[in-house]
Amino acid sequence: MTTALYVAAYALLSTGGVLLLRTALKDTGNLSVGTARTLLAEPSFLLGFLLYALSFVTWLLALRRYEVVAIFPVFVGVGYACVVLGGYLFLGESLSATRVAGILVIFAGMALLFR
């Protein structure tokens, strides 16, 4: 698997997981045993947990293959950008100019790391 495939798989899995977990947790109050039981019966929570766990496995596979100083910033940067954009597109969360600028700075930093 190439670096790009690891990054793409991680980004899709982790973003999907985070967005589904956020959807499941959005209307919960304080976490309690009752809330946990309800969440464990919620398909969006279970699928979100599974996707996020698979993203962790993808991270471990990439970490085994690449230097941590090279792969970690890419995974975190791309993951952050995807979650921000996914939150905006699918959850109606805000996307300010500051967040867009932050994403651009992250990508500029990644470009500098690989020069």
PDB file of N, CA and C in Angstrom:
ATOM      1  N   MET A   1       0.850  -1.176   0.000  1.00  0.00           N
ATOM      2  CA  MET A   1       0.000   0.000   0.000  1.00  0.00           C
ATOM      3  C   MET A   1       0.895   1.237   0.000  1.00  0.00           C
ATOM      4  N   THR A   2       0.564   2.225  -0.803  1.00  0.00           N
ATOM      5  CA  THR A   2       1.372   3.439  -0.880  1.00  0.00           C
ATOM      6  C   THR A   2       1.008   4.401   0.254  1.00  0.00           C
ATOM      7  N   THR A   3       1.859   5.391   0.436  1.00  0.00           N
ATOM      8  CA  THR A   3       1.607   6.398   1.473  1.00  0.00           C
ATOM      9  C   THR A   3       0.260   7.069   1.259  1.00  0.00           C
ATOM     10  N   ALA A   4      -0.026   7.436   0.015  1.00  0.00           N
ATOM     11  CA  ALA A   4      -1.288   8.118  -0.285  1.00  0.00           C
ATOM     12  C   ALA A   4      -2.489   7.246   0.069  1.00  0.00           C
ATOM     13  N   LEU A   5      -2.392   5.954  -0.175  1.00  0.00           N
ATOM     14  CA  LEU A   5      -3.507   5.064   0.169  1.00  0.00           C
ATOM     15  C   LEU A   5      -3.684   4.942   1.680  1.00  0.00           C
ATOM     16  N   TYR A   6      -2.582   4.873   2.407  1.00  0.00           N
ATOM     17  CA  TYR A   6      -2.678   4.850   3.873  1.00  0.00           C
ATOM     18  C   TYR A   6      -3.350   6.123   4.385  1.00  0.00           C
ATOM     19  N   VAL A   7      -2.905   7.256   3.862  1.00  0.00           N
ATOM     20  CA  VAL A   7      -3.452   8.542   4.311  1.00  0.00           C
ATOM     21  C   VAL A   7      -4.928   8.645   3.948  1.00  0.00           C
ATOM     22  N   ALA A   8      -5.283   8.264   2.721  1.00  0.00           N
ATOM     23  CA  ALA A   8      -6.680   8.334   2.291  1.00  0.00           C
ATOM     24  C   ALA A   8      -7.559   7.400   3.122  1.00  0.00           C
ATOM     25  N   ALA A   9      -7.086   6.178   3.345  1.00  0.00           N
ATOM     26  CA  ALA A   9      -7.861   5.225   4.149  1.00  0.00           C
ATOM     27  C   ALA A   9      -8.046   5.750   5.568  1.00  0.00           C
ATOM     28  N   TYR A  10      -6.964   6.254   6.157  1.00  0.00           N
ATOM     29  CA  TYR A  10      -7.047   6.794   7.511  1.00  0.00           C
ATOM     30  C   TYR A  10      -8.021   7.968   7.564  1.00  0.00           C
ATOM     31  N   ALA A  11      -7.895   8.884   6.611  1.00  0.00           N
ATOM     32  CA  ALA A  11      -8.742  10.076   6.612  1.00  0.00           C
ATOM     33  C   ALA A  11     -10.216   9.702   6.477  1.00  0.00           C
ATOM     34  N   LEU A  12     -10.535   8.813   5.563  1.00  0.00           N
ATOM     35  CA  LEU A  12     -11.933   8.412   5.377  1.00  0.00           C
ATOM     36  C   LEU A  12     -12.479   7.670   6.596  1.00  0.00           C
ATOM     37  N   LEU A  13     -11.701   6.731   7.101  1.00  0.00           N
ATOM     38  CA  LEU A  13     -12.163   5.951   8.253  1.00  0.00           C
ATOM     39  C   LEU A  13     -12.295   6.808   9.508  1.00  0.00           C
ATOM     40  N   SER A  14     -11.280   7.606   9.804  1.00  0.00           N
ATOM     41  CA  SER A  14     -11.335   8.405  11.035  1.00  0.00           C
ATOM     42  C   SER A  14     -12.388   9.501  10.937  1.00  0.00           C
ATOM     43  N   THR A  15     -12.491  10.145   9.780  1.00  0.00           N
ATOM     44  CA  THR A  15     -13.497  11.194   9.618  1.00  0.00           C
ATOM     45  C   THR A  15     -14.900  10.617   9.719  1.00  0.00           C
ATOM     46  N   GLY A  16     -15.139   9.519   9.016  1.00  0.00           N
ATOM     47  CA  GLY A  16     -16.446   8.871   9.119  1.00  0.00           C
ATOM     48  C   GLY A  16     -16.756   8.472  10.548  1.00  0.00           C
ATOM     49  N   GLY A  17     -15.761   7.916  11.236  1.00  0.00           N
ATOM     50  CA  GLY A  17     -15.952   7.514  12.621  1.00  0.00           C
ATOM     51  C   GLY A  17     -16.268   8.682  13.533  1.00  0.00           C
ATOM     52  N   VAL A  18     -15.493   9.736  13.416  1.00  0.00           N
ATOM     53  CA  VAL A  18     -15.703  10.912  14.275  1.00  0.00           C
ATOM     54  C   VAL A  18     -17.071  11.542  14.016  1.00  0.00           C
ATOM     55  N   LEU A  19     -17.447  11.675  12.752  1.00  0.00           N
ATOM     56  CA  LEU A  19     -18.734  12.298  12.430  1.00  0.00           C
ATOM     57  C   LEU A  19     -19.908  11.446  12.917  1.00  0.00           C
ATOM     58  N   LEU A  20     -19.798  10.135  12.780  1.00  0.00           N
ATOM     59  CA  LEU A  20     -20.865   9.262  13.281  1.00  0.00           C
ATOM     60  C   LEU A  20     -20.924   9.270  14.809  1.00  0.00           C
ATOM     61  N   LEU A  21     -19.770   9.274  15.458  1.00  0.00           N
ATOM     62  CA  LEU A  21     -19.758   9.356  16.920  1.00  0.00           C
ATOM     63  C   LEU A  21     -20.362  10.671  17.391  1.00  0.00           C
ATOM     64  N   ARG A  22     -20.018  11.753  16.714  1.00  0.00           N
ATOM     65  CA  ARG A  22     -20.581  13.063  17.066  1.00  0.00           C
ATOM     66  C   ARG A  22     -22.097  13.064  16.900  1.00  0.00           C
ATOM     67  N   THR A  23     -22.571  12.449  15.819  1.00  0.00           N
ATOM     68  CA  THR A  23     -24.011  12.352  15.583  1.00  0.00           C
ATOM     69  C   THR A  23     -24.691  11.579  16.707  1.00  0.00           C
ATOM     70  N   ALA A  24     -24.098  10.471  17.104  1.00  0.00           N
ATOM     71  CA  ALA A  24     -24.684   9.647  18.164  1.00  0.00           C
ATOM     72  C   ALA A  24     -24.658  10.355  19.513  1.00  0.00           C
ATOM     73  N   LEU A  25     -23.621  11.128  19.770  1.00  0.00           N
ATOM     74  CA  LEU A  25     -23.456  11.776  21.076  1.00  0.00           C
ATOM     75  C   LEU A  25     -24.117  13.145  21.166  1.00  0.00           C
ATOM     76  N   LYS A  26     -24.544  13.683  20.036  1.00  0.00           N
ATOM     77  CA  LYS A  26     -25.017  15.067  19.976  1.00  0.00           C
ATOM     78  C   LYS A  26     -26.123  15.381  20.985  1.00  0.00           C
ATOM     79  N   ASP A  27     -27.084  14.505  21.109  1.00  0.00           N
ATOM     80  CA  ASP A  27     -28.233  14.793  21.969  1.00  0.00           C
ATOM     81  C   ASP A  27     -28.198  14.078  23.316  1.00  0.00           C
ATOM     82  N   THR A  28     -27.047  13.514  23.660  1.00  0.00           N
ATOM     83  CA  THR A  28     -26.952  12.852  24.960  1.00  0.00           C
ATOM     84  C   THR A  28     -26.655  13.886  26.031  1.00  0.00           C
ATOM     85  N   GLY A  29     -27.154  13.631  27.191  1.00  0.00           N
ATOM     86  CA  GLY A  29     -26.855  14.502  28.324  1.00  0.00           C
ATOM     87  C   GLY A  29     -25.565  14.044  28.970  1.00  0.00           C
ATOM     88  N   ASN A  30     -25.571  14.039  30.279  1.00  0.00           N
ATOM     89  CA  ASN A  30     -24.417  13.524  31.009  1.00  0.00           C
ATOM     90  C   ASN A  30     -24.256  12.039  30.717  1.00  0.00           C
ATOM     91  N   LEU A  31     -23.010  11.621  30.606  1.00  0.00           N
ATOM     92  CA  LEU A  31     -22.765  10.205  30.365  1.00  0.00           C
ATOM     93  C   LEU A  31     -23.014   9.417  31.644  1.00  0.00           C
ATOM     94  N   SER A  32     -23.788   8.364  31.507  1.00  0.00           N
ATOM     95  CA  SER A  32     -24.105   7.500  32.639  1.00  0.00           C
ATOM     96  C   SER A  32     -24.201   6.074  32.119  1.00  0.00           C
ATOM     97  N   VAL A  33     -24.480   5.149  33.010  1.00  0.00           N
ATOM     98  CA  VAL A  33     -24.647   3.753  32.601  1.00  0.00           C
ATOM     99  C   VAL A  33     -25.821   3.638  31.632  1.00  0.00           C
ATOM    100  N   GLY A  34     -26.891   4.338  31.919  1.00  0.00           N
ATOM    101  CA  GLY A  34     -28.063   4.322  31.035  1.00  0.00           C
ATOM    102  C   GLY A  34     -27.749   4.888  29.662  1.00  0.00           C
ATOM    103  N   THR A  35     -27.000   5.980  29.634  1.00  0.00           N
ATOM    104  CA  THR A  35     -26.593   6.579  28.362  1.00  0.00           C
ATOM    105  C   THR A  35     -25.700   5.626  27.589  1.00  0.00           C
ATOM    106  N   ALA A  36     -24.793   4.969  28.287  1.00  0.00           N
ATOM    107  CA  ALA A  36     -23.896   4.014  27.635  1.00  0.00           C
ATOM    108  C   ALA A  36     -24.689   2.874  27.013  1.00  0.00           C
ATOM    109  N   ARG A  37     -25.683   2.373  27.720  1.00  0.00           N
ATOM    110  CA  ARG A  37     -26.533   1.300  27.170  1.00  0.00           C
ATOM    111  C   ARG A  37     -27.259   1.781  25.919  1.00  0.00           C
ATOM    112  N   THR A  38     -27.772   2.985  25.974  1.00  0.00           N
ATOM    113  CA  THR A  38     -28.466   3.548  24.817  1.00  0.00           C
ATOM    114  C   THR A  38     -27.517   3.689  23.639  1.00  0.00           C
ATOM    115  N   LEU A  39     -26.318   4.193  23.892  1.00  0.00           N
ATOM    116  CA  LEU A  39     -25.339   4.365  22.817  1.00  0.00           C
ATOM    117  C   LEU A  39     -24.924   3.032  22.211  1.00  0.00           C
ATOM    118  N   LEU A  40     -24.784   2.014  23.037  1.00  0.00           N
ATOM    119  CA  LEU A  40     -24.375   0.704  22.537  1.00  0.00           C
ATOM    120  C   LEU A  40     -25.442   0.051  21.664  1.00  0.00           C
ATOM    121  N   ALA A  41     -26.655   0.572  21.710  1.00  0.00           N
ATOM    122  CA  ALA A  41     -27.725   0.081  20.842  1.00  0.00           C
ATOM    123  C   ALA A  41     -27.936   0.999  19.636  1.00  0.00           C
ATOM    124  N   GLU A  42     -27.175   2.066  19.565  1.00  0.00           N
ATOM    125  CA  GLU A  42     -27.322   3.067  18.498  1.00  0.00           C
ATOM    126  C   GLU A  42     -26.420   2.704  17.314  1.00  0.00           C
ATOM    127  N   PRO A  43     -26.997   2.436  16.132  1.00  0.00           N
ATOM    128  CA  PRO A  43     -26.176   2.049  14.972  1.00  0.00           C
ATOM    129  C   PRO A  43     -25.102   3.072  14.598  1.00  0.00           C
ATOM    130  N   SER A  44     -25.414   4.363  14.688  1.00  0.00           N
ATOM    131  CA  SER A  44     -24.410   5.369  14.314  1.00  0.00           C
ATOM    132  C   SER A  44     -23.228   5.352  15.282  1.00  0.00           C
ATOM    133  N   PHE A  45     -23.483   5.075  16.546  1.00  0.00           N
ATOM    134  CA  PHE A  45     -22.396   4.976  17.517  1.00  0.00           C
ATOM    135  C   PHE A  45     -21.530   3.759  17.227  1.00  0.00           C
ATOM    136  N   LEU A  46     -22.167   2.625  17.001  1.00  0.00           N
ATOM    137  CA  LEU A  46     -21.427   1.384  16.749  1.00  0.00           C
ATOM    138  C   LEU A  46     -20.609   1.471  15.464  1.00  0.00           C
ATOM    139  N   LEU A  47     -21.212   1.991  14.398  1.00  0.00           N
ATOM    140  CA  LEU A  47     -20.479   2.130  13.143  1.00  0.00           C
ATOM    141  C   LEU A  47     -19.355   3.148  13.286  1.00  0.00           C
ATOM    142  N   GLY A  48     -19.621   4.252  13.981  1.00  0.00           N
ATOM    143  CA  GLY A  48     -18.581   5.250  14.215  1.00  0.00           C
ATOM    144  C   GLY A  48     -17.413   4.673  14.988  1.00  0.00           C
ATOM    145  N   PHE A  49     -17.709   3.888  16.010  1.00  0.00           N
ATOM    146  CA  PHE A  49     -16.665   3.244  16.805  1.00  0.00           C
ATOM    147  C   PHE A  49     -15.855   2.283  15.946  1.00  0.00           C
ATOM    148  N   LEU A  50     -16.541   1.494  15.117  1.00  0.00           N
ATOM    149  CA  LEU A  50     -15.860   0.539  14.243  1.00  0.00           C
ATOM    150  C   LEU A  50     -14.952   1.256  13.246  1.00  0.00           C
ATOM    151  N   LEU A  51     -15.468   2.302  12.613  1.00  0.00           N
ATOM    152  CA  LEU A  51     -14.652   3.040  11.642  1.00  0.00           C
ATOM    153  C   LEU A  51     -13.438   3.671  12.309  1.00  0.00           C
ATOM    154  N   TYR A  52     -13.648   4.235  13.493  1.00  0.00           N
ATOM    155  CA  TYR A  52     -12.524   4.865  14.187  1.00  0.00           C
ATOM    156  C   TYR A  52     -11.487   3.823  14.601  1.00  0.00           C
ATOM    157  N   ALA A  53     -11.948   2.651  15.028  1.00  0.00           N
ATOM    158  CA  ALA A  53     -11.022   1.564  15.374  1.00  0.00           C
ATOM    159  C   ALA A  53     -10.241   1.112  14.138  1.00  0.00           C
ATOM    160  N   LEU A  54     -10.910   1.022  13.000  1.00  0.00           N
ATOM    161  CA  LEU A  54     -10.219   0.643  11.762  1.00  0.00           C
ATOM    162  C   LEU A  54      -9.207   1.710  11.344  1.00  0.00           C
ATOM    163  N   SER A  55      -9.520   2.975  11.616  1.00  0.00           N
ATOM    164  CA  SER A  55      -8.550   4.034  11.302  1.00  0.00           C
ATOM    165  C   SER A  55      -7.304   3.873  12.166  1.00  0.00           C
ATOM    166  N   PHE A  56      -7.482   3.430  13.401  1.00  0.00           N
ATOM    167  CA  PHE A  56      -6.343   3.190  14.283  1.00  0.00           C
ATOM    168  C   PHE A  56      -5.484   2.044  13.755  1.00  0.00           C
ATOM    169  N   VAL A  57      -6.121   1.001  13.252  1.00  0.00           N
ATOM    170  CA  VAL A  57      -5.377  -0.112  12.650  1.00  0.00           C
ATOM    171  C   VAL A  57      -4.591   0.385  11.438  1.00  0.00           C
ATOM    172  N   THR A  58      -5.217   1.225  10.627  1.00  0.00           N
ATOM    173  CA  THR A  58      -4.523   1.812   9.472  1.00  0.00           C
ATOM    174  C   THR A  58      -3.314   2.611   9.928  1.00  0.00           C
ATOM    175  N   TRP A  59      -3.489   3.379  11.003  1.00  0.00           N
ATOM    176  CA  TRP A  59      -2.385   4.160  11.567  1.00  0.00           C
ATOM    177  C   TRP A  59      -1.246   3.244  11.994  1.00  0.00           C
ATOM    178  N   LEU A  60      -1.575   2.148  12.663  1.00  0.00           N
ATOM    179  CA  LEU A  60      -0.539   1.211  13.108  1.00  0.00           C
ATOM    180  C   LEU A  60       0.211   0.596  11.925  1.00  0.00           C
ATOM    181  N   LEU A  61      -0.506   0.245  10.878  1.00  0.00           N
ATOM    182  CA  LEU A  61       0.136  -0.325   9.687  1.00  0.00           C
ATOM    183  C   LEU A  61       1.081   0.687   9.042  1.00  0.00           C
ATOM    184  N   ALA A  62       0.649   1.935   8.966  1.00  0.00           N
ATOM    185  CA  ALA A  62       1.504   2.975   8.387  1.00  0.00           C
ATOM    186  C   ALA A  62       2.703   3.254   9.288  1.00  0.00           C
ATOM    187  N   LEU A  63       2.475   3.274  10.590  1.00  0.00           N
ATOM    188  CA  LEU A  63       3.545   3.547  11.548  1.00  0.00           C
ATOM    189  C   LEU A  63       4.629   2.473  11.479  1.00  0.00           C
ATOM    190  N   ARG A  64       4.212   1.265  11.201  1.00  0.00           N
ATOM    191  CA  ARG A  64       5.164   0.165  11.065  1.00  0.00           C
ATOM    192  C   ARG A  64       6.063   0.344   9.836  1.00  0.00           C
ATOM    193  N   ARG A  65       5.546   1.028   8.841  1.00  0.00           N
ATOM    194  CA  ARG A  65       6.230   1.125   7.552  1.00  0.00           C
ATOM    195  C   ARG A  65       7.019   2.425   7.358  1.00  0.00           C
ATOM    196  N   TYR A  66       6.569   3.512   7.961  1.00  0.00           N
ATOM    197  CA  TYR A  66       7.161   4.830   7.716  1.00  0.00           C
ATOM    198  C   TYR A  66       7.714   5.438   9.005  1.00  0.00           C
ATOM    199  N   GLU A  67       8.617   6.389   8.837  1.00  0.00           N
ATOM    200  CA  GLU A  67       9.147   7.119   9.995  1.00  0.00           C
ATOM    201  C   GLU A  67       8.033   7.945  10.628  1.00  0.00           C
ATOM    202  N   VAL A  68       7.994   7.943  11.942  1.00  0.00           N
ATOM    203  CA  VAL A  68       6.943   8.661  12.654  1.00  0.00           C
ATOM    204  C   VAL A  68       7.008  10.164  12.365  1.00  0.00           C
ATOM    205  N   VAL A  69       8.210  10.715  12.204  1.00  0.00           N
ATOM    206  CA  VAL A  69       8.335  12.154  11.945  1.00  0.00           C
ATOM    207  C   VAL A  69       7.786  12.530  10.577  1.00  0.00           C
ATOM    208  N   ALA A  70       7.661  11.565   9.692  1.00  0.00           N
ATOM    209  CA  ALA A  70       7.118  11.845   8.364  1.00  0.00           C
ATOM    210  C   ALA A  70       5.613  11.594   8.306  1.00  0.00           C
ATOM    211  N   ILE A  71       5.171  10.500   8.874  1.00  0.00           N
ATOM    212  CA  ILE A  71       3.780  10.097   8.682  1.00  0.00           C
ATOM    213  C   ILE A  71       2.821  10.750   9.680  1.00  0.00           C
ATOM    214  N   PHE A  72       3.263  11.003  10.902  1.00  0.00           N
ATOM    215  CA  PHE A  72       2.367  11.568  11.914  1.00  0.00           C
ATOM    216  C   PHE A  72       1.800  12.927  11.510  1.00  0.00           C
ATOM    217  N   PRO A  73       2.629  13.889  11.082  1.00  0.00           N
ATOM    218  CA  PRO A  73       2.063  15.187  10.703  1.00  0.00           C
ATOM    219  C   PRO A  73       1.057  15.086   9.557  1.00  0.00           C
ATOM    220  N   VAL A  74       1.314  14.186   8.628  1.00  0.00           N
ATOM    221  CA  VAL A  74       0.401  14.027   7.492  1.00  0.00           C
ATOM    222  C   VAL A  74      -0.937  13.461   7.964  1.00  0.00           C
ATOM    223  N   PHE A  75      -0.896  12.415   8.767  1.00  0.00           N
ATOM    224  CA  PHE A  75      -2.138  11.817   9.252  1.00  0.00           C
ATOM    225  C   PHE A  75      -2.942  12.822  10.075  1.00  0.00           C
ATOM    226  N   VAL A  76      -2.276  13.526  10.969  1.00  0.00           N
ATOM    227  CA  VAL A  76      -2.978  14.488  11.824  1.00  0.00           C
ATOM    228  C   VAL A  76      -3.515  15.658  11.000  1.00  0.00           C
ATOM    229  N   GLY A  77      -2.699  16.189  10.104  1.00  0.00           N
ATOM    230  CA  GLY A  77      -3.120  17.333   9.292  1.00  0.00           C
ATOM    231  C   GLY A  77      -4.275  17.007   8.371  1.00  0.00           C
ATOM    232  N   VAL A  78      -4.153  15.923   7.638  1.00  0.00           N
ATOM    233  CA  VAL A  78      -5.223  15.524   6.721  1.00  0.00           C
ATOM    234  C   VAL A  78      -6.469  15.134   7.515  1.00  0.00           C
ATOM    235  N   GLY A  79      -6.272  14.430   8.615  1.00  0.00           N
ATOM    236  CA  GLY A  79      -7.410  14.055   9.456  1.00  0.00           C
ATOM    237  C   GLY A  79      -8.153  15.272   9.980  1.00  0.00           C
ATOM    238  N   TYR A  80      -7.414  16.268  10.455  1.00  0.00           N
ATOM    239  CA  TYR A  80      -8.038  17.492  10.956  1.00  0.00           C
ATOM    240  C   TYR A  80      -8.827  18.185   9.856  1.00  0.00           C
ATOM    241  N   ALA A  81      -8.212  18.350   8.693  1.00  0.00           N
ATOM    242  CA  ALA A  81      -8.874  19.028   7.579  1.00  0.00           C
ATOM    243  C   ALA A  81     -10.156  18.299   7.180  1.00  0.00           C
ATOM    244  N   CYS A  82     -10.102  16.990   7.115  1.00  0.00           N
ATOM    245  CA  CYS A  82     -11.280  16.207   6.725  1.00  0.00           C
ATOM    246  C   CYS A  82     -12.395  16.303   7.760  1.00  0.00           C
ATOM    247  N   VAL A  83     -12.044  16.288   9.030  1.00  0.00           N
ATOM    248  CA  VAL A  83     -13.067  16.393  10.074  1.00  0.00           C
ATOM    249  C   VAL A  83     -13.715  17.777  10.046  1.00  0.00           C
ATOM    250  N   VAL A  84     -12.927  18.821   9.870  1.00  0.00           N
ATOM    251  CA  VAL A  84     -13.487  20.174   9.798  1.00  0.00           C
ATOM    252  C   VAL A  84     -14.435  20.285   8.605  1.00  0.00           C
ATOM    253  N   LEU A  85     -13.991  19.829   7.446  1.00  0.00           N
ATOM    254  CA  LEU A  85     -14.842  19.905   6.253  1.00  0.00           C
ATOM    255  C   LEU A  85     -16.063  18.991   6.375  1.00  0.00           C
ATOM    256  N   GLY A  86     -15.878  17.799   6.923  1.00  0.00           N
ATOM    257  CA  GLY A  86     -17.008  16.893   7.127  1.00  0.00           C
ATOM    258  C   GLY A  86     -18.020  17.447   8.115  1.00  0.00           C
ATOM    259  N   GLY A  87     -17.533  18.061   9.187  1.00  0.00           N
ATOM    260  CA  GLY A  87     -18.430  18.687  10.153  1.00  0.00           C
ATOM    261  C   GLY A  87     -19.250  19.790   9.517  1.00  0.00           C
ATOM    262  N   TYR A  88     -18.623  20.539   8.644  1.00  0.00           N
ATOM    263  CA  TYR A  88     -19.319  21.616   7.931  1.00  0.00           C
ATOM    264  C   TYR A  88     -20.353  21.044   6.958  1.00  0.00           C
ATOM    265  N   LEU A  89     -19.936  20.074   6.141  1.00  0.00           N
ATOM    266  CA  LEU A  89     -20.805  19.536   5.092  1.00  0.00           C
ATOM    267  C   LEU A  89     -21.936  18.658   5.623  1.00  0.00           C
ATOM    268  N   PHE A  90     -21.648  17.834   6.622  1.00  0.00           N
ATOM    269  CA  PHE A  90     -22.624  16.835   7.047  1.00  0.00           C
ATOM    270  C   PHE A  90     -23.318  17.140   8.366  1.00  0.00           C
ATOM    271  N   LEU A  91     -22.699  17.957   9.204  1.00  0.00           N
ATOM    272  CA  LEU A  91     -23.291  18.241  10.513  1.00  0.00           C
ATOM    273  C   LEU A  91     -23.727  19.693  10.663  1.00  0.00           C
ATOM    274  N   GLY A  92     -23.458  20.504   9.651  1.00  0.00           N
ATOM    275  CA  GLY A  92     -23.852  21.904   9.715  1.00  0.00           C
ATOM    276  C   GLY A  92     -23.030  22.730  10.686  1.00  0.00           C
ATOM    277  N   GLU A  93     -21.818  22.268  11.005  1.00  0.00           N
ATOM    278  CA  GLU A  93     -20.958  23.027  11.911  1.00  0.00           C
ATOM    279  C   GLU A  93     -20.327  24.196  11.163  1.00  0.00           C
ATOM    280  N   SER A  94     -19.856  25.179  11.899  1.00  0.00           N
ATOM    281  CA  SER A  94     -19.337  26.396  11.274  1.00  0.00           C
ATOM    282  C   SER A  94     -17.970  26.157  10.634  1.00  0.00           C
ATOM    283  N   LEU A  95     -17.738  26.888   9.571  1.00  0.00           N
ATOM    284  CA  LEU A  95     -16.447  26.853   8.882  1.00  0.00           C
ATOM    285  C   LEU A  95     -16.020  28.303   8.681  1.00  0.00           C
ATOM    286  N   SER A  96     -15.269  28.804   9.632  1.00  0.00           N
ATOM    287  CA  SER A  96     -14.855  30.202   9.599  1.00  0.00           C
ATOM    288  C   SER A  96     -13.623  30.381   8.723  1.00  0.00           C
ATOM    289  N   ALA A  97     -13.359  31.613   8.383  1.00  0.00           N
ATOM    290  CA  ALA A  97     -12.155  31.936   7.618  1.00  0.00           C
ATOM    291  C   ALA A  97     -10.908  31.542   8.401  1.00  0.00           C
ATOM    292  N   THR A  98     -10.968  31.664   9.708  1.00  0.00           N
ATOM    293  CA  THR A  98      -9.836  31.286  10.549  1.00  0.00           C
ATOM    294  C   THR A  98      -9.550  29.792  10.452  1.00  0.00           C
ATOM    295  N   ARG A  99     -10.595  28.981  10.445  1.00  0.00           N
ATOM    296  CA  ARG A  99     -10.394  27.530  10.315  1.00  0.00           C
ATOM    297  C   ARG A  99      -9.828  27.176   8.943  1.00  0.00           C
ATOM    298  N   VAL A 100     -10.347  27.815   7.916  1.00  0.00           N
ATOM    299  CA  VAL A 100      -9.820  27.571   6.564  1.00  0.00           C
ATOM    300  C   VAL A 100      -8.353  27.973   6.510  1.00  0.00           C
ATOM    301  N   ALA A 101      -8.018  29.121   7.088  1.00  0.00           N
ATOM    302  CA  ALA A 101      -6.620  29.564   7.123  1.00  0.00           C
ATOM    303  C   ALA A 101      -5.763  28.567   7.899  1.00  0.00           C
ATOM    304  N   GLY A 102      -6.288  28.042   8.994  1.00  0.00           N
ATOM    305  CA  GLY A 102      -5.561  27.045   9.773  1.00  0.00           C
ATOM    306  C   GLY A 102      -5.272  25.794   8.967  1.00  0.00           C
ATOM    307  N   ILE A 103      -6.252  25.340   8.199  1.00  0.00           N
ATOM    308  CA  ILE A 103      -6.058  24.171   7.341  1.00  0.00           C
ATOM    309  C   ILE A 103      -4.983  24.453   6.301  1.00  0.00           C
ATOM    310  N   LEU A 104      -5.010  25.637   5.713  1.00  0.00           N
ATOM    311  CA  LEU A 104      -3.997  25.998   4.712  1.00  0.00           C
ATOM    312  C   LEU A 104      -2.600  26.048   5.331  1.00  0.00           C
ATOM    313  N   VAL A 105      -2.505  26.567   6.543  1.00  0.00           N
ATOM    314  CA  VAL A 105      -1.209  26.606   7.233  1.00  0.00           C
ATOM    315  C   VAL A 105      -0.716  25.186   7.516  1.00  0.00           C
ATOM    316  N   ILE A 106      -1.620  24.311   7.917  1.00  0.00           N
ATOM    317  CA  ILE A 106      -1.241  22.913   8.162  1.00  0.00           C
ATOM    318  C   ILE A 106      -0.690  22.281   6.890  1.00  0.00           C
ATOM    319  N   PHE A 107      -1.378  22.481   5.772  1.00  0.00           N
ATOM    320  CA  PHE A 107      -0.902  21.904   4.515  1.00  0.00           C
ATOM    321  C   PHE A 107       0.415  22.530   4.067  1.00  0.00           C
ATOM    322  N   ALA A 108       0.588  23.821   4.320  1.00  0.00           N
ATOM    323  CA  ALA A 108       1.875  24.460   4.006  1.00  0.00           C
ATOM    324  C   ALA A 108       2.980  23.850   4.861  1.00  0.00           C
ATOM    325  N   GLY A 109       2.689  23.597   6.117  1.00  0.00           N
ATOM    326  CA  GLY A 109       3.667  22.958   7.000  1.00  0.00           C
ATOM    327  C   GLY A 109       4.028  21.561   6.533  1.00  0.00           C
ATOM    328  N   MET A 110       3.033  20.812   6.068  1.00  0.00           N
ATOM    329  CA  MET A 110       3.321  19.470   5.546  1.00  0.00           C
ATOM    330  C   MET A 110       4.202  19.554   4.303  1.00  0.00           C
ATOM    331  N   ALA A 111       3.942  20.538   3.459  1.00  0.00           N
ATOM    332  CA  ALA A 111       4.766  20.703   2.256  1.00  0.00           C
ATOM    333  C   ALA A 111       6.216  20.995   2.639  1.00  0.00           C
ATOM    334  N   LEU A 112       6.414  21.798   3.679  1.00  0.00           N
ATOM    335  CA  LEU A 112       7.771  22.102   4.135  1.00  0.00           C
ATOM    336  C   LEU A 112       8.465  20.868   4.703  1.00  0.00           C
ATOM    337  N   LEU A 113       7.710  20.016   5.360  1.00  0.00           N
ATOM    338  CA  LEU A 113       8.292  18.799   5.933  1.00  0.00           C
ATOM    339  C   LEU A 113       8.857  17.861   4.870  1.00  0.00           C
ATOM    340  N   PHE A 114       8.285  17.918   3.693  1.00  0.00           N
ATOM    341  CA  PHE A 114       8.691  16.973   2.651  1.00  0.00           C
ATOM    342  C   PHE A 114       9.556  17.602   1.572  1.00  0.00           C
ATOM    343  N   ARG A 115      10.166  18.719   1.861  1.00  0.00           N
ATOM    344  CA  ARG A 115      11.084  19.362   0.905  1.00  0.00           C
ATOM    345  C   ARG A 115      12.458  18.818   1.089  1.00  0.00           C
TER     346      ARG A 115
END
